[in-house]
Full PDB file with SEQRES, HELIX, SHEET, SSBOND, CRYST1, ORIGX, SCALE, CONECT and MASTER records, all heavy atoms in Angstrom:
SEQRES   1 A   39  PHE ARG LEU LEU THR ASP LYS LYS LEU ILE ALA ARG PHE          
SEQRES   2 A   39  ILE PRO MET LEU GLY LYS GLY HIS ASP CYS GLY MET ASN          
SEQRES   3 A   39  GLN PRO ASP SER GLU LYS ILE VAL LEU ASP GLU ILE GLN          
HELIX    1 AA1 ARG A    2  ASP A    6  1                                   5    
HELIX    2 AA2 PRO A   28  ILE A   38  1                                  11    
CRYST1    1.000    1.000    1.000  90.00  90.00  90.00 P 1           1          
ORIGX1      1.000000  0.000000  0.000000        0.00000                         
ORIGX2      0.000000  1.000000  0.000000        0.00000                         
ORIGX3      0.000000  0.000000  1.000000        0.00000                         
SCALE1      1.000000  0.000000  0.000000        0.00000                         
SCALE2      0.000000  1.000000  0.000000        0.00000                         
SCALE3      0.000000  0.000000  1.000000        0.00000                         
ATOM      1  N   PHE A   1      12.165 -16.696  -7.761  1.00  0.00           N  
ATOM      2  CA  PHE A   1      11.384 -17.332  -8.832  1.00  0.00           C  
ATOM      3  C   PHE A   1      12.022 -17.069 -10.195  1.00  0.00           C  
ATOM      4  O   PHE A   1      12.155 -17.982 -11.013  1.00  0.00           O  
ATOM      5  CB  PHE A   1       9.946 -16.831  -8.792  1.00  0.00           C  
ATOM      6  CG  PHE A   1       9.087 -17.415  -9.876  1.00  0.00           C  
ATOM      7  CD1 PHE A   1       8.778 -18.760  -9.900  1.00  0.00           C  
ATOM      8  CD2 PHE A   1       8.567 -16.602 -10.891  1.00  0.00           C  
ATOM      9  CE1 PHE A   1       7.990 -19.315 -10.904  1.00  0.00           C  
ATOM     10  CE2 PHE A   1       7.771 -17.136 -11.887  1.00  0.00           C  
ATOM     11  CZ  PHE A   1       7.473 -18.491 -11.892  1.00  0.00           C  
ATOM     12  N   ARG A   2      12.429 -15.820 -10.443  1.00  0.00           N  
ATOM     13  CA  ARG A   2      13.082 -15.502 -11.720  1.00  0.00           C  
ATOM     14  C   ARG A   2      14.382 -16.279 -11.892  1.00  0.00           C  
ATOM     15  O   ARG A   2      14.673 -16.806 -12.951  1.00  0.00           O  
ATOM     16  CB  ARG A   2      13.376 -13.998 -11.809  1.00  0.00           C  
ATOM     17  CG  ARG A   2      12.185 -13.134 -12.132  1.00  0.00           C  
ATOM     18  CD  ARG A   2      12.608 -11.738 -12.574  1.00  0.00           C  
ATOM     19  NE  ARG A   2      13.412 -11.071 -11.546  1.00  0.00           N  
ATOM     20  CZ  ARG A   2      12.907 -10.330 -10.568  1.00  0.00           C  
ATOM     21  NH1 ARG A   2      11.594 -10.183 -10.456  1.00  0.00           N  
ATOM     22  NH2 ARG A   2      13.704  -9.747  -9.708  1.00  0.00           N  
ATOM     23  N   LEU A   3      15.151 -16.361 -10.797  1.00  0.00           N  
ATOM     24  CA  LEU A   3      16.414 -17.082 -10.847  1.00  0.00           C  
ATOM     25  C   LEU A   3      16.189 -18.556 -11.184  1.00  0.00           C  
ATOM     26  O   LEU A   3      16.881 -19.150 -12.031  1.00  0.00           O  
ATOM     27  CB  LEU A   3      17.147 -16.942  -9.512  1.00  0.00           C  
ATOM     28  CG  LEU A   3      18.487 -17.645  -9.365  1.00  0.00           C  
ATOM     29  CD1 LEU A   3      19.498 -17.071 -10.361  1.00  0.00           C  
ATOM     30  CD2 LEU A   3      19.020 -17.516  -7.943  1.00  0.00           C  
ATOM     31  N   LEU A   4      15.217 -19.170 -10.520  1.00  0.00           N  
ATOM     32  CA  LEU A   4      14.928 -20.583 -10.747  1.00  0.00           C  
ATOM     33  C   LEU A   4      14.445 -20.825 -12.177  1.00  0.00           C  
ATOM     34  O   LEU A   4      14.881 -21.773 -12.847  1.00  0.00           O  
ATOM     35  CB  LEU A   4      13.874 -21.066  -9.748  1.00  0.00           C  
ATOM     36  CG  LEU A   4      14.322 -21.156  -8.287  1.00  0.00           C  
ATOM     37  CD1 LEU A   4      13.110 -21.283  -7.353  1.00  0.00           C  
ATOM     38  CD2 LEU A   4      15.273 -22.324  -8.070  1.00  0.00           C  
ATOM     39  N   THR A   5      13.529 -19.972 -12.642  1.00  0.00           N  
ATOM     40  CA  THR A   5      13.008 -20.179 -14.000  1.00  0.00           C  
ATOM     41  C   THR A   5      14.068 -19.878 -15.056  1.00  0.00           C  
ATOM     42  O   THR A   5      14.108 -20.560 -16.098  1.00  0.00           O  
ATOM     43  CB  THR A   5      11.755 -19.333 -14.235  1.00  0.00           C  
ATOM     44  OG1 THR A   5      12.010 -17.972 -13.881  1.00  0.00           O  
ATOM     45  CG2 THR A   5      10.581 -19.844 -13.398  1.00  0.00           C  
ATOM     46  N   ASP A   6      14.938 -18.902 -14.810  1.00  0.00           N  
ATOM     47  CA  ASP A   6      16.026 -18.618 -15.745  1.00  0.00           C  
ATOM     48  C   ASP A   6      16.952 -19.826 -15.880  1.00  0.00           C  
ATOM     49  O   ASP A   6      17.514 -20.067 -16.962  1.00  0.00           O  
ATOM     50  CB  ASP A   6      16.844 -17.414 -15.304  1.00  0.00           C  
ATOM     51  CG  ASP A   6      16.113 -16.086 -15.535  1.00  0.00           C  
ATOM     52  OD1 ASP A   6      15.067 -16.095 -16.252  1.00  0.00           O  
ATOM     53  OD2 ASP A   6      16.558 -15.050 -14.986  1.00  0.00           O  
ATOM     54  N   LYS A   7      17.118 -20.566 -14.776  1.00  0.00           N  
ATOM     55  CA  LYS A   7      17.952 -21.763 -14.796  1.00  0.00           C  
ATOM     56  C   LYS A   7      17.173 -23.005 -15.231  1.00  0.00           C  
ATOM     57  O   LYS A   7      17.677 -24.123 -15.153  1.00  0.00           O  
ATOM     58  CB  LYS A   7      18.558 -21.986 -13.402  1.00  0.00           C  
ATOM     59  CG  LYS A   7      19.612 -20.964 -13.024  1.00  0.00           C  
ATOM     60  CD  LYS A   7      20.137 -21.216 -11.614  1.00  0.00           C  
ATOM     61  CE  LYS A   7      21.249 -20.245 -11.256  1.00  0.00           C  
ATOM     62  NZ  LYS A   7      22.501 -20.504 -11.983  1.00  0.00           N  
ATOM     63  N   LYS A   8      15.906 -22.766 -15.644  1.00  0.00           N  
ATOM     64  CA  LYS A   8      15.034 -23.858 -16.105  1.00  0.00           C  
ATOM     65  C   LYS A   8      14.805 -24.915 -15.014  1.00  0.00           C  
ATOM     66  O   LYS A   8      14.737 -26.119 -15.289  1.00  0.00           O  
ATOM     67  CB  LYS A   8      15.578 -24.490 -17.382  1.00  0.00           C  
ATOM     68  CG  LYS A   8      15.600 -23.487 -18.559  1.00  0.00           C  
ATOM     69  CD  LYS A   8      16.087 -24.126 -19.830  1.00  0.00           C  
ATOM     70  CE  LYS A   8      15.829 -23.223 -21.042  1.00  0.00           C  
ATOM     71  NZ  LYS A   8      16.133 -21.807 -20.862  1.00  0.00           N  
ATOM     72  N   LEU A   9      14.704 -24.457 -13.767  1.00  0.00           N  
ATOM     73  CA  LEU A   9      14.392 -25.319 -12.636  1.00  0.00           C  
ATOM     74  C   LEU A   9      12.893 -25.220 -12.335  1.00  0.00           C  
ATOM     75  O   LEU A   9      12.264 -24.202 -12.614  1.00  0.00           O  
ATOM     76  CB  LEU A   9      15.212 -24.929 -11.419  1.00  0.00           C  
ATOM     77  CG  LEU A   9      16.736 -25.001 -11.606  1.00  0.00           C  
ATOM     78  CD1 LEU A   9      17.466 -24.483 -10.393  1.00  0.00           C  
ATOM     79  CD2 LEU A   9      17.177 -26.434 -11.904  1.00  0.00           C  
ATOM     80  N   ILE A  10      12.332 -26.278 -11.767  1.00  0.00           N  
ATOM     81  CA  ILE A  10      10.886 -26.305 -11.499  1.00  0.00           C  
ATOM     82  C   ILE A  10      10.556 -25.389 -10.345  1.00  0.00           C  
ATOM     83  O   ILE A  10      11.092 -25.520  -9.250  1.00  0.00           O  
ATOM     84  CB  ILE A  10      10.432 -27.744 -11.178  1.00  0.00           C  
ATOM     85  CG1 ILE A  10      10.687 -28.671 -12.376  1.00  0.00           C  
ATOM     86  CG2 ILE A  10       8.945 -27.775 -10.806  1.00  0.00           C  
ATOM     87  CD1 ILE A  10      10.523 -30.148 -12.042  1.00  0.00           C  
ATOM     88  N   ALA A  11       9.658 -24.436 -10.610  1.00  0.00           N  
ATOM     89  CA  ALA A  11       9.267 -23.477  -9.557  1.00  0.00           C  
ATOM     90  C   ALA A  11       7.897 -22.914  -9.890  1.00  0.00           C  
ATOM     91  O   ALA A  11       7.488 -22.860 -11.047  1.00  0.00           O  
ATOM     92  CB  ALA A  11      10.289 -22.342  -9.472  1.00  0.00           C  
ATOM     93  N   ARG A  12       7.218 -22.489  -8.834  1.00  0.00           N  
ATOM     94  CA  ARG A  12       5.934 -21.800  -8.985  1.00  0.00           C  
ATOM     95  C   ARG A  12       5.862 -20.713  -7.942  1.00  0.00           C  
ATOM     96  O   ARG A  12       6.264 -20.927  -6.789  1.00  0.00           O  
ATOM     97  CB  ARG A  12       4.781 -22.790  -8.812  1.00  0.00           C  
ATOM     98  CG  ARG A  12       3.448 -22.126  -9.143  1.00  0.00           C  
ATOM     99  CD  ARG A  12       2.308 -23.107  -9.284  1.00  0.00           C  
ATOM    100  NE  ARG A  12       1.107 -22.375  -9.657  1.00  0.00           N  
ATOM    101  CZ  ARG A  12      -0.105 -22.602  -9.182  1.00  0.00           C  
ATOM    102  NH1 ARG A  12      -0.296 -23.580  -8.319  1.00  0.00           N  
ATOM    103  NH2 ARG A  12      -1.128 -21.891  -9.581  1.00  0.00           N  
ATOM    104  N   PHE A  13       5.391 -19.535  -8.352  1.00  0.00           N  
ATOM    105  CA  PHE A  13       5.224 -18.410  -7.424  1.00  0.00           C  
ATOM    106  C   PHE A  13       3.758 -18.033  -7.379  1.00  0.00           C  
ATOM    107  O   PHE A  13       3.139 -17.768  -8.421  1.00  0.00           O  
ATOM    108  CB  PHE A  13       6.075 -17.229  -7.876  1.00  0.00           C  
ATOM    109  CG  PHE A  13       5.805 -15.966  -7.099  1.00  0.00           C  
ATOM    110  CD1 PHE A  13       5.827 -15.949  -5.716  1.00  0.00           C  
ATOM    111  CD2 PHE A  13       5.507 -14.771  -7.773  1.00  0.00           C  
ATOM    112  CE1 PHE A  13       5.571 -14.776  -4.999  1.00  0.00           C  
ATOM    113  CE2 PHE A  13       5.246 -13.599  -7.063  1.00  0.00           C  
ATOM    114  CZ  PHE A  13       5.284 -13.600  -5.680  1.00  0.00           C  
ATOM    115  N   ILE A  14       3.189 -18.001  -6.172  1.00  0.00           N  
ATOM    116  CA  ILE A  14       1.788 -17.617  -5.993  1.00  0.00           C  
ATOM    117  C   ILE A  14       1.739 -16.339  -5.151  1.00  0.00           C  
ATOM    118  O   ILE A  14       2.010 -16.375  -3.944  1.00  0.00           O  
ATOM    119  CB  ILE A  14       0.990 -18.748  -5.299  1.00  0.00           C  
ATOM    120  CG1 ILE A  14       1.039 -20.012  -6.166  1.00  0.00           C  
ATOM    121  CG2 ILE A  14      -0.454 -18.309  -5.055  1.00  0.00           C  
ATOM    122  CD1 ILE A  14       0.393 -21.231  -5.537  1.00  0.00           C  
ATOM    123  N   PRO A  15       1.445 -15.184  -5.790  1.00  0.00           N  
ATOM    124  CA  PRO A  15       1.314 -13.953  -5.005  1.00  0.00           C  
ATOM    125  C   PRO A  15       0.018 -13.971  -4.206  1.00  0.00           C  
ATOM    126  O   PRO A  15      -1.036 -14.313  -4.733  1.00  0.00           O  
ATOM    127  CB  PRO A  15       1.283 -12.863  -6.095  1.00  0.00           C  
ATOM    128  CG  PRO A  15       0.826 -13.547  -7.335  1.00  0.00           C  
ATOM    129  CD  PRO A  15       1.231 -14.984  -7.233  1.00  0.00           C  
ATOM    130  N   MET A  16       0.126 -13.643  -2.932  1.00  0.00           N  
ATOM    131  CA  MET A  16      -1.048 -13.580  -2.056  1.00  0.00           C  
ATOM    132  C   MET A  16      -1.474 -12.115  -1.978  1.00  0.00           C  
ATOM    133  O   MET A  16      -0.963 -11.323  -1.191  1.00  0.00           O  
ATOM    134  CB  MET A  16      -0.720 -14.153  -0.681  1.00  0.00           C  
ATOM    135  CG  MET A  16      -0.257 -15.617  -0.712  1.00  0.00           C  
ATOM    136  SD  MET A  16      -1.495 -16.749  -1.399  1.00  0.00           S  
ATOM    137  CE  MET A  16      -2.754 -16.689  -0.122  1.00  0.00           C  
ATOM    138  N   LEU A  17      -2.427 -11.769  -2.841  1.00  0.00           N  
ATOM    139  CA  LEU A  17      -2.801 -10.368  -3.017  1.00  0.00           C  
ATOM    140  C   LEU A  17      -3.502  -9.808  -1.786  1.00  0.00           C  
ATOM    141  O   LEU A  17      -4.421 -10.434  -1.244  1.00  0.00           O  
ATOM    142  CB  LEU A  17      -3.699 -10.226  -4.246  1.00  0.00           C  
ATOM    143  CG  LEU A  17      -3.077 -10.722  -5.563  1.00  0.00           C  
ATOM    144  CD1 LEU A  17      -4.068 -10.546  -6.711  1.00  0.00           C  
ATOM    145  CD2 LEU A  17      -1.762 -10.012  -5.864  1.00  0.00           C  
ATOM    146  N   GLY A  18      -3.005  -8.657  -1.355  1.00  0.00           N  
ATOM    147  CA  GLY A  18      -3.580  -7.986  -0.195  1.00  0.00           C  
ATOM    148  C   GLY A  18      -3.143  -8.565   1.142  1.00  0.00           C  
ATOM    149  O   GLY A  18      -3.596  -8.092   2.183  1.00  0.00           O  
ATOM    150  N   LYS A  19      -2.249  -9.535   1.110  1.00  0.00           N  
ATOM    151  CA  LYS A  19      -1.833 -10.207   2.349  1.00  0.00           C  
ATOM    152  C   LYS A  19      -0.470  -9.701   2.794  1.00  0.00           C  
ATOM    153  O   LYS A  19       0.393  -9.323   2.002  1.00  0.00           O  
ATOM    154  CB  LYS A  19      -1.791 -11.734   2.163  1.00  0.00           C  
ATOM    155  CG  LYS A  19      -3.105 -12.330   1.660  1.00  0.00           C  
ATOM    156  CD  LYS A  19      -4.252 -12.022   2.605  1.00  0.00           C  
ATOM    157  CE  LYS A  19      -5.562 -12.600   2.079  1.00  0.00           C  
ATOM    158  NZ  LYS A  19      -6.720 -12.230   2.936  1.00  0.00           N  
ATOM    159  N   GLY A  20      -0.262  -9.737   4.112  1.00  0.00           N  
ATOM    160  CA  GLY A  20       0.986  -9.306   4.705  1.00  0.00           C  
ATOM    161  C   GLY A  20       1.923 -10.467   4.971  1.00  0.00           C  
ATOM    162  O   GLY A  20       1.924 -11.475   4.259  1.00  0.00           O  
ATOM    163  N   HIS A  21       2.706 -10.344   6.043  1.00  0.00           N  
ATOM    164  CA  HIS A  21       3.744 -11.323   6.316  1.00  0.00           C  
ATOM    165  C   HIS A  21       3.202 -12.663   6.808  1.00  0.00           C  
ATOM    166  O   HIS A  21       3.921 -13.654   6.840  1.00  0.00           O  
ATOM    167  CB  HIS A  21       4.758 -10.764   7.319  1.00  0.00           C  
ATOM    168  CG  HIS A  21       6.003 -11.579   7.421  1.00  0.00           C  
ATOM    169  ND1 HIS A  21       6.824 -11.832   6.337  1.00  0.00           N  
ATOM    170  CD2 HIS A  21       6.558 -12.251   8.482  1.00  0.00           C  
ATOM    171  CE1 HIS A  21       7.830 -12.599   6.720  1.00  0.00           C  
ATOM    172  NE2 HIS A  21       7.694 -12.872   8.007  1.00  0.00           N  
ATOM    173  N   ASP A  22       1.917 -12.686   7.189  1.00  0.00           N  
ATOM    174  CA  ASP A  22       1.315 -13.986   7.559  1.00  0.00           C  
ATOM    175  C   ASP A  22       0.960 -14.801   6.327  1.00  0.00           C  
ATOM    176  O   ASP A  22       0.546 -15.960   6.438  1.00  0.00           O  
ATOM    177  CB  ASP A  22       0.089 -13.793   8.445  1.00  0.00           C  
ATOM    178  CG  ASP A  22      -1.089 -13.203   7.694  1.00  0.00           C  
ATOM    179  OD1 ASP A  22      -0.892 -12.602   6.609  1.00  0.00           O  
ATOM    180  OD2 ASP A  22      -2.223 -13.323   8.189  1.00  0.00           O  
ATOM    181  N   CYS A  23       1.121 -14.182   5.136  1.00  0.00           N  
ATOM    182  CA  CYS A  23       0.866 -14.860   3.862  1.00  0.00           C  
ATOM    183  C   CYS A  23      -0.584 -15.325   3.737  1.00  0.00           C  
ATOM    184  O   CYS A  23      -0.877 -16.268   2.996  1.00  0.00           O  
ATOM    185  CB  CYS A  23       1.829 -16.045   3.703  1.00  0.00           C  
ATOM    186  SG  CYS A  23       2.376 -16.291   2.010  1.00  0.00           S  
ATOM    187  N   GLY A  24      -1.462 -14.722   4.518  1.00  0.00           N  
ATOM    188  CA  GLY A  24      -2.868 -15.095   4.448  1.00  0.00           C  
ATOM    189  C   GLY A  24      -3.253 -16.306   5.268  1.00  0.00           C  
ATOM    190  O   GLY A  24      -4.397 -16.757   5.217  1.00  0.00           O  
ATOM    191  N   MET A  25      -2.322 -16.791   6.095  1.00  0.00           N  
ATOM    192  CA  MET A  25      -2.598 -18.012   6.866  1.00  0.00           C  
ATOM    193  C   MET A  25      -3.507 -17.752   8.065  1.00  0.00           C  
ATOM    194  O   MET A  25      -3.949 -18.700   8.709  1.00  0.00           O  
ATOM    195  CB  MET A  25      -1.287 -18.645   7.337  1.00  0.00           C  
ATOM    196  CG  MET A  25      -0.425 -19.177   6.192  1.00  0.00           C  
ATOM    197  SD  MET A  25      -1.259 -20.432   5.208  1.00  0.00           S  
ATOM    198  CE  MET A  25      -1.136 -21.861   6.296  1.00  0.00           C  
ATOM    199  N   ASN A  26      -3.798 -16.491   8.364  1.00  0.00           N  
ATOM    200  CA  ASN A  26      -4.687 -16.157   9.479  1.00  0.00           C  
ATOM    201  C   ASN A  26      -6.118 -15.855   9.032  1.00  0.00           C  
ATOM    202  O   ASN A  26      -6.938 -15.451   9.851  1.00  0.00           O  
ATOM    203  CB  ASN A  26      -4.114 -14.973  10.275  1.00  0.00           C  
ATOM    204  CG  ASN A  26      -2.860 -15.360  11.025  1.00  0.00           C  
ATOM    205  OD1 ASN A  26      -2.781 -16.425  11.611  1.00  0.00           O  
ATOM    206  ND2 ASN A  26      -1.855 -14.501  10.990  1.00  0.00           N  
ATOM    207  N   GLN A  27      -6.387 -16.049   7.752  1.00  0.00           N  
ATOM    208  CA  GLN A  27      -7.758 -15.890   7.235  1.00  0.00           C  
ATOM    209  C   GLN A  27      -8.175 -17.194   6.561  1.00  0.00           C  
ATOM    210  O   GLN A  27      -7.424 -17.723   5.709  1.00  0.00           O  
ATOM    211  CB  GLN A  27      -7.821 -14.738   6.228  1.00  0.00           C  
ATOM    212  CG  GLN A  27      -7.474 -13.369   6.812  1.00  0.00           C  
ATOM    213  CD  GLN A  27      -5.997 -13.053   6.798  1.00  0.00           C  
ATOM    214  OE1 GLN A  27      -5.288 -13.385   5.864  1.00  0.00           O  
ATOM    215  NE2 GLN A  27      -5.518 -12.427   7.875  1.00  0.00           N  
ATOM    216  N   PRO A  28      -9.320 -17.728   6.921  1.00  0.00           N  
ATOM    217  CA  PRO A  28      -9.719 -19.062   6.442  1.00  0.00           C  
ATOM    218  C   PRO A  28      -9.733 -19.219   4.922  1.00  0.00           C  
ATOM    219  O   PRO A  28      -9.305 -20.249   4.408  1.00  0.00           O  
ATOM    220  CB  PRO A  28     -11.134 -19.242   7.011  1.00  0.00           C  
ATOM    221  CG  PRO A  28     -11.179 -18.359   8.218  1.00  0.00           C  
ATOM    222  CD  PRO A  28     -10.315 -17.191   7.887  1.00  0.00           C  
ATOM    223  N   ASP A  29     -10.170 -18.203   4.173  1.00  0.00           N  
ATOM    224  CA  ASP A  29     -10.258 -18.359   2.714  1.00  0.00           C  
ATOM    225  C   ASP A  29      -8.881 -18.442   2.079  1.00  0.00           C  
ATOM    226  O   ASP A  29      -8.622 -19.336   1.269  1.00  0.00           O  
ATOM    227  CB  ASP A  29     -11.079 -17.199   2.102  1.00  0.00           C  
ATOM    228  CG  ASP A  29     -10.523 -15.818   2.474  1.00  0.00           C  
ATOM    229  OD1 ASP A  29      -9.760 -15.711   3.447  1.00  0.00           O  
ATOM    230  OD2 ASP A  29     -10.864 -14.839   1.759  1.00  0.00           O  
ATOM    231  N   SER A  30      -7.981 -17.547   2.462  1.00  0.00           N  
ATOM    232  CA  SER A  30      -6.645 -17.573   1.884  1.00  0.00           C  
ATOM    233  C   SER A  30      -5.816 -18.743   2.448  1.00  0.00           C  
ATOM    234  O   SER A  30      -4.968 -19.315   1.752  1.00  0.00           O  
ATOM    235  CB  SER A  30      -5.920 -16.249   2.084  1.00  0.00           C  
ATOM    236  OG  SER A  30      -6.030 -15.795   3.413  1.00  0.00           O  
ATOM    237  N   GLU A  31      -6.048 -19.096   3.715  1.00  0.00           N  
ATOM    238  CA  GLU A  31      -5.379 -20.272   4.283  1.00  0.00           C  
ATOM    239  C   GLU A  31      -5.712 -21.518   3.452  1.00  0.00           C  
ATOM    240  O   GLU A  31      -4.834 -22.332   3.159  1.00  0.00           O  
ATOM    241  CB  GLU A  31      -5.805 -20.469   5.731  1.00  0.00           C  
ATOM    242  CG  GLU A  31      -5.149 -21.680   6.400  1.00  0.00           C  
ATOM    243  CD  GLU A  31      -5.753 -21.988   7.765  1.00  0.00           C  
ATOM    244  OE1 GLU A  31      -6.994 -21.934   7.884  1.00  0.00           O  
ATOM    245  OE2 GLU A  31      -4.997 -22.305   8.678  1.00  0.00           O  
ATOM    246  N   LYS A  32      -6.960 -21.655   3.068  1.00  0.00           N  
ATOM    247  CA  LYS A  32      -7.371 -22.818   2.264  1.00  0.00           C  
ATOM    248  C   LYS A  32      -6.661 -22.822   0.904  1.00  0.00           C  
ATOM    249  O   LYS A  32      -6.238 -23.888   0.422  1.00  0.00           O  
ATOM    250  CB  LYS A  32      -8.883 -22.822   2.059  1.00  0.00           C  
ATOM    251  CG  LYS A  32      -9.387 -24.060   1.303  1.00  0.00           C  
ATOM    252  CD  LYS A  32     -10.892 -24.072   1.159  1.00  0.00           C  
ATOM    253  CE  LYS A  32     -11.379 -25.358   0.501  1.00  0.00           C  
ATOM    254  NZ  LYS A  32     -10.762 -25.618  -0.821  1.00  0.00           N  
ATOM    255  N   ILE A  33      -6.518 -21.647   0.304  1.00  0.00           N  
ATOM    256  CA  ILE A  33      -5.798 -21.558  -0.976  1.00  0.00           C  
ATOM    257  C   ILE A  33      -4.378 -22.091  -0.815  1.00  0.00           C  
ATOM    258  O   ILE A  33      -3.907 -22.901  -1.624  1.00  0.00           O  
ATOM    259  CB  ILE A  33      -5.774 -20.095  -1.478  1.00  0.00           C  
ATOM    260  CG1 ILE A  33      -7.175 -19.664  -1.908  1.00  0.00           C  
ATOM    261  CG2 ILE A  33      -4.788 -19.936  -2.647  1.00  0.00           C  
ATOM    262  CD1 ILE A  33      -7.307 -18.172  -2.179  1.00  0.00           C  
ATOM    263  N   VAL A  34      -3.692 -21.649   0.243  1.00  0.00           N  
ATOM    264  CA  VAL A  34      -2.313 -22.086   0.486  1.00  0.00           C  
ATOM    265  C   VAL A  34      -2.259 -23.592   0.713  1.00  0.00           C  
ATOM    266  O   VAL A  34      -1.441 -24.301   0.115  1.00  0.00           O  
ATOM    267  CB  VAL A  34      -1.696 -21.319   1.676  1.00  0.00           C  
ATOM    268  CG1 VAL A  34      -0.333 -21.901   2.039  1.00  0.00           C  
ATOM    269  CG2 VAL A  34      -1.565 -19.833   1.352  1.00  0.00           C  
ATOM    270  N   LEU A  35      -3.121 -24.098   1.589  1.00  0.00           N  
ATOM    271  CA  LEU A  35      -3.099 -25.527   1.909  1.00  0.00           C  
ATOM    272  C   LEU A  35      -3.437 -26.376   0.668  1.00  0.00           C  
ATOM    273  O   LEU A  35      -2.823 -27.431   0.453  1.00  0.00           O  
ATOM    274  CB  LEU A  35      -4.070 -25.841   3.037  1.00  0.00           C  
ATOM    275  CG  LEU A  35      -3.691 -25.265   4.416  1.00  0.00           C  
ATOM    276  CD1 LEU A  35      -4.828 -25.479   5.405  1.00  0.00           C  
ATOM    277  CD2 LEU A  35      -2.409 -25.902   4.938  1.00  0.00           C  
ATOM    278  N   ASP A  36      -4.393 -25.921  -0.137  1.00  0.00           N  
ATOM    279  CA  ASP A  36      -4.739 -26.652  -1.353  1.00  0.00           C  
ATOM    280  C   ASP A  36      -3.541 -26.733  -2.303  1.00  0.00           C  
ATOM    281  O   ASP A  36      -3.262 -27.781  -2.889  1.00  0.00           O  
ATOM    282  CB  ASP A  36      -5.905 -25.972  -2.077  1.00  0.00           C  
ATOM    283  CG  ASP A  36      -7.252 -26.172  -1.394  1.00  0.00           C  
ATOM    284  OD1 ASP A  36      -7.332 -27.019  -0.474  1.00  0.00           O  
ATOM    285  OD2 ASP A  36      -8.210 -25.468  -1.774  1.00  0.00           O  
ATOM    286  N   GLU A  37      -2.841 -25.602  -2.447  1.00  0.00           N  
ATOM    287  CA  GLU A  37      -1.691 -25.560  -3.354  1.00  0.00           C  
ATOM    288  C   GLU A  37      -0.546 -26.419  -2.825  1.00  0.00           C  
ATOM    289  O   GLU A  37       0.135 -27.103  -3.602  1.00  0.00           O  
ATOM    290  CB  GLU A  37      -1.225 -24.121  -3.562  1.00  0.00           C  
ATOM    291  CG  GLU A  37      -2.211 -23.231  -4.315  1.00  0.00           C  
ATOM    292  CD  GLU A  37      -2.349 -23.624  -5.788  1.00  0.00           C  
ATOM    293  OE1 GLU A  37      -1.531 -24.420  -6.286  1.00  0.00           O  
ATOM    294  OE2 GLU A  37      -3.282 -23.127  -6.435  1.00  0.00           O  
ATOM    295  N   ILE A  38      -0.309 -26.380  -1.513  1.00  0.00           N  
ATOM    296  CA  ILE A  38       0.733 -27.235  -0.941  1.00  0.00           C  
ATOM    297  C   ILE A  38       0.389 -28.702  -1.165  1.00  0.00           C  
ATOM    298  O   ILE A  38       1.264 -29.502  -1.545  1.00  0.00           O  
ATOM    299  CB  ILE A  38       0.918 -26.953   0.572  1.00  0.00           C  
ATOM    300  CG1 ILE A  38       1.470 -25.538   0.796  1.00  0.00           C  
ATOM    301  CG2 ILE A  38       1.858 -27.976   1.209  1.00  0.00           C  
ATOM    302  CD1 ILE A  38       1.529 -25.123   2.261  1.00  0.00           C  
ATOM    303  N   GLN A  39      -0.858 -29.058  -0.921  1.00  0.00           N  
ATOM    304  CA  GLN A  39      -1.284 -30.437  -1.117  1.00  0.00           C  
ATOM    305  C   GLN A  39      -1.029 -30.896  -2.554  1.00  0.00           C  
ATOM    306  O   GLN A  39      -0.486 -31.978  -2.790  1.00  0.00           O  
ATOM    307  CB  GLN A  39      -2.769 -30.585  -0.761  1.00  0.00           C  
ATOM    308  CG  GLN A  39      -3.273 -32.013  -0.875  1.00  0.00           C  
ATOM    309  CD  GLN A  39      -4.722 -32.147  -0.380  1.00  0.00           C  
ATOM    310  OE1 GLN A  39      -5.363 -31.162  -0.024  1.00  0.00           O  
ATOM    311  NE2 GLN A  39      -5.216 -33.366  -0.363  1.00  0.00           N  
TER     312      GLN A  39                                                      
MASTER        0    0    0    2    0    0    0    6  311    1    0    3          
END                                                                             
């Protein structure tokens, strides 16, 4: 994310707080956050 923004390229970073390597996709509330943002 830092590299992309330093180069002035379009990027967004969303930290999934308290989540592990599943990125929160195994919990309905955080899964919805991810899907909403992807959409």
